[in-house]
C-alpha atoms as a PDB file:
ATOM      1  CA  MET A   1     113.504  90.089  85.733  1.00  0.00           C
ATOM      2  CA  GLY A   2     114.161  92.838  88.227  1.00  0.00           C
ATOM      3  CA  TRP A   3     111.910  95.162  90.017  1.00  0.00           C
ATOM      4  CA  THR A   4     112.588  98.971  90.523  1.00  0.00           C
ATOM      5  CA  ILE A   5     112.218 100.285  93.923  1.00  0.00           C
ATOM      6  CA  GLU A   6     110.729 103.702  94.422  1.00  0.00           C
ATOM      7  CA  TYR A   7     110.425 105.646  97.502  1.00  0.00           C
ATOM      8  CA  ASP A   8     107.657 108.163  98.190  1.00  0.00           C
ATOM      9  CA  ARG A   9     108.814 111.737  99.396  1.00  0.00           C
ATOM     10  CA  ARG A  10     107.470 111.289 102.864  1.00  0.00           C
ATOM     11  CA  VAL A  11     109.312 107.876 103.106  1.00  0.00           C
ATOM     12  CA  LEU A  12     112.612 109.575 102.462  1.00  0.00           C
ATOM     13  CA  LYS A  13     111.860 112.300 104.958  1.00  0.00           C
ATOM     14  CA  ASP A  14     111.081 109.724 107.556  1.00  0.00           C
ATOM     15  CA  MET A  15     114.056 107.549 106.761  1.00  0.00           C
ATOM     16  CA  ASN A  16     116.267 110.706 107.470  1.00  0.00           C
ATOM     17  CA  LYS A  17     115.017 110.583 111.101  1.00  0.00           C
ATOM     18  CA  LEU A  18     116.264 106.973 111.538  1.00  0.00           C
ATOM     19  CA  ASP A  19     119.689 105.931 112.692  1.00  0.00           C
ATOM     20  CA  GLN A  20     122.187 105.316 109.705  1.00  0.00           C
ATOM     21  CA  SER A  21     122.519 101.578 110.576  1.00  0.00           C
ATOM     22  CA  VAL A  22     118.655 101.132 110.363  1.00  0.00           C
ATOM     23  CA  GLN A  23     118.615 103.162 107.047  1.00  0.00           C
ATOM     24  CA  ARG A  24     121.303 100.957 105.591  1.00  0.00           C
ATOM     25  CA  GLN A  25     119.547  97.739 106.710  1.00  0.00           C
ATOM     26  CA  ILE A  26     116.257  98.891 104.951  1.00  0.00           C
ATOM     27  CA  LEU A  27     118.029  99.968 101.743  1.00  0.00           C
ATOM     28  CA  ASP A  28     119.990  96.756 101.580  1.00  0.00           C
ATOM     29  CA  TYR A  29     116.849  94.661 102.167  1.00  0.00           C
ATOM     30  CA  PHE A  30     115.126  96.185  99.168  1.00  0.00           C
ATOM     31  CA  ASP A  31     118.310  96.193  96.945  1.00  0.00           C
ATOM     32  CA  ASP A  32     119.193  92.604  97.877  1.00  0.00           C
ATOM     33  CA  CYS A  33     115.982  90.822  98.387  1.00  0.00           C
ATOM     34  CA  ILE A  34     113.182  92.633  96.545  1.00  0.00           C
ATOM     35  CA  ALA A  35     114.641  94.320  93.513  1.00  0.00           C
ATOM     36  CA  PRO A  36     116.333  91.037  92.032  1.00  0.00           C
ATOM     37  CA  SER A  37     113.288  88.755  92.936  1.00  0.00           C
ATOM     38  CA  SER A  38     111.024  87.528  90.225  1.00  0.00           C
ATOM     39  CA  ASN A  39     108.010  87.711  92.807  1.00  0.00           C
ATOM     40  CA  PRO A  40     108.425  90.347  95.525  1.00  0.00           C
ATOM     41  CA  ARG A  41     105.212  89.092  97.309  1.00  0.00           C
ATOM     42  CA  ARG A  42     107.024  86.044  98.389  1.00  0.00           C
ATOM     43  CA  PHE A  43     108.919  88.185 100.940  1.00  0.00           C
ATOM     44  CA  GLY A  44     106.033  90.096 102.287  1.00  0.00           C
ATOM     45  CA  LYS A  45     102.393  89.869 103.498  1.00  0.00           C
ATOM     46  CA  SER A  46      99.183  91.343 102.082  1.00  0.00           C
ATOM     47  CA  LEU A  47      97.453  93.873 104.400  1.00  0.00           C
ATOM     48  CA  LYS A  48      93.693  94.248 105.036  1.00  0.00           C
ATOM     49  CA  SER A  49      91.347  96.646 106.256  1.00  0.00           C
ATOM     50  CA  ARG A  50      92.234 100.295 105.451  1.00  0.00           C
ATOM     51  CA  PHE A  51      95.591  99.054 103.958  1.00  0.00           C
ATOM     52  CA  SER A  52      93.956  96.768 101.574  1.00  0.00           C
ATOM     53  CA  GLY A  53      95.891  96.416  98.325  1.00  0.00           C
ATOM     54  CA  LEU A  54      99.183  97.116 100.062  1.00  0.00           C
ATOM     55  CA  TRP A  55     102.034  94.843 101.027  1.00  0.00           C
ATOM     56  CA  ARG A  56     104.061  94.831 104.325  1.00  0.00           C
ATOM     57  CA  TYR A  57     107.713  93.790 104.674  1.00  0.00           C
ATOM     58  CA  ARG A  58     109.426  93.016 107.851  1.00  0.00           C
ATOM     59  CA  ILE A  59     112.925  94.482 108.395  1.00  0.00           C
ATOM     60  CA  GLY A  60     114.058  93.903 111.871  1.00  0.00           C
ATOM     61  CA  ASP A  61     111.724  96.030 114.080  1.00  0.00           C
ATOM     62  CA  TYR A  62     110.652  98.206 111.232  1.00  0.00           C
ATOM     63  CA  ARG A  63     108.018  97.764 108.575  1.00  0.00           C
ATOM     64  CA  ALA A  64     107.789  98.889 105.018  1.00  0.00           C
ATOM     65  CA  ILE A  65     104.391  99.390 103.497  1.00  0.00           C
ATOM     66  CA  CYS A  66     104.406  99.119  99.729  1.00  0.00           C
ATOM     67  CA  ARG A  67     102.202  99.233  96.668  1.00  0.00           C
ATOM     68  CA  ILE A  68     103.355  96.769  93.950  1.00  0.00           C
ATOM     69  CA  GLU A  69     102.654  97.752  90.396  1.00  0.00           C
ATOM     70  CA  ASP A  70     102.902  94.563  88.284  1.00  0.00           C
ATOM     71  CA  GLU A  71     102.488  96.275  84.930  1.00  0.00           C
ATOM     72  CA  LYS A  72     105.481  98.551  85.399  1.00  0.00           C
ATOM     73  CA  LEU A  73     107.593  96.142  87.634  1.00  0.00           C
ATOM     74  CA  ILE A  74     107.643  98.893  90.353  1.00  0.00           C
ATOM     75  CA  VAL A  75     107.637  98.442  94.225  1.00  0.00           C
ATOM     76  CA  LEU A  76     106.576 101.824  95.559  1.00  0.00           C
ATOM     77  CA  VAL A  77     107.459 102.350  99.230  1.00  0.00           C
ATOM     78  CA  VAL A  78     104.673 104.403 100.777  1.00  0.00           C
ATOM     79  CA  ARG A  79     105.591 104.242 104.395  1.00  0.00           C
ATOM     80  CA  ILE A  80     108.442 103.032 106.634  1.00  0.00           C
ATOM     81  CA  GLY A  81     108.418 103.076 110.427  1.00  0.00           C
ATOM     82  CA  HIS A  82     108.859 101.187 113.775  1.00  0.00           C
ATOM     83  CA  ARG A  83     106.293  98.268 114.096  1.00  0.00           C
ATOM     84  CA  SER A  84     104.672  99.951 116.925  1.00  0.00           C
ATOM     85  CA  ARG A  85     103.803 103.138 115.017  1.00  0.00           C
ATOM     86  CA  VAL A  86     103.748 102.370 111.347  1.00  0.00           C
ATOM     87  CA  TYR A  87     100.044 101.239 111.167  1.00  0.00           C
ATOM     88  CA  LYS A  88      98.685 104.208 113.103  1.00  0.00           C
ATOM     89  CA  LYS A  89      98.552 107.076 110.610  1.00  0.00           C
ATOM     90  CA  PRO A  90      96.541 106.841 107.500  1.00  0.00           C
ATOM     91  CA  VAL A  91      98.480 106.306 104.262  1.00  0.00           C
END
């Protein structure tokens, strides 16, 4: 069973601002670890408070905040950013 990885438009815009090596690291993480996994939750951590219902993945010093849609087998990446800033703006 494989998962489809989808990226929000804002995520793609934010990724273009990152260094190409960081972009590759993030894309490789989702392609190699999350997409082929039978359970993408085992790699991440559920978030609380205003991010309730979302999942966080650690990719070096960067964080990806995602919504997991079980019925469609989709992991929707809604935000990517440096760990010091990713939680500051509302989703």
